Amino acid sequence: MAKTTREYEVSSTSIYKWQSLHDSGGEASLSAKSAAKAENAELRRLRRENDELKKIVAEKELRLRIQSEMLKKKTAGQNRIAHDS
């Protein structure tokens, strides 16, 4: 299964759906319309996953920026104390 999913760049979920459709309704159930529905569902799932990953990356980027700013302020404060001494 893994080789097939990589070779055709299709998720295993889609292949299992197609297999189920074929088992229940034969080749007629695998019409272009049925395949398009499966692909649209997969596309929606991937878009949701992509949006979630973008949020995670944005949160991490914000956290890094805040840490960087805090470090700059801390370093600047320590330099002033050392200079004043």
Foldseek 3Di string as FASTA:
>chain_A
DVVVCVVVVHDPVLVVVLVVQCVVPNPVSVDPVNSVVSVVVVVVVVVVVVVVVVVVVVVVVVVVVVVVVVVVVVVVVVVVVVVVD
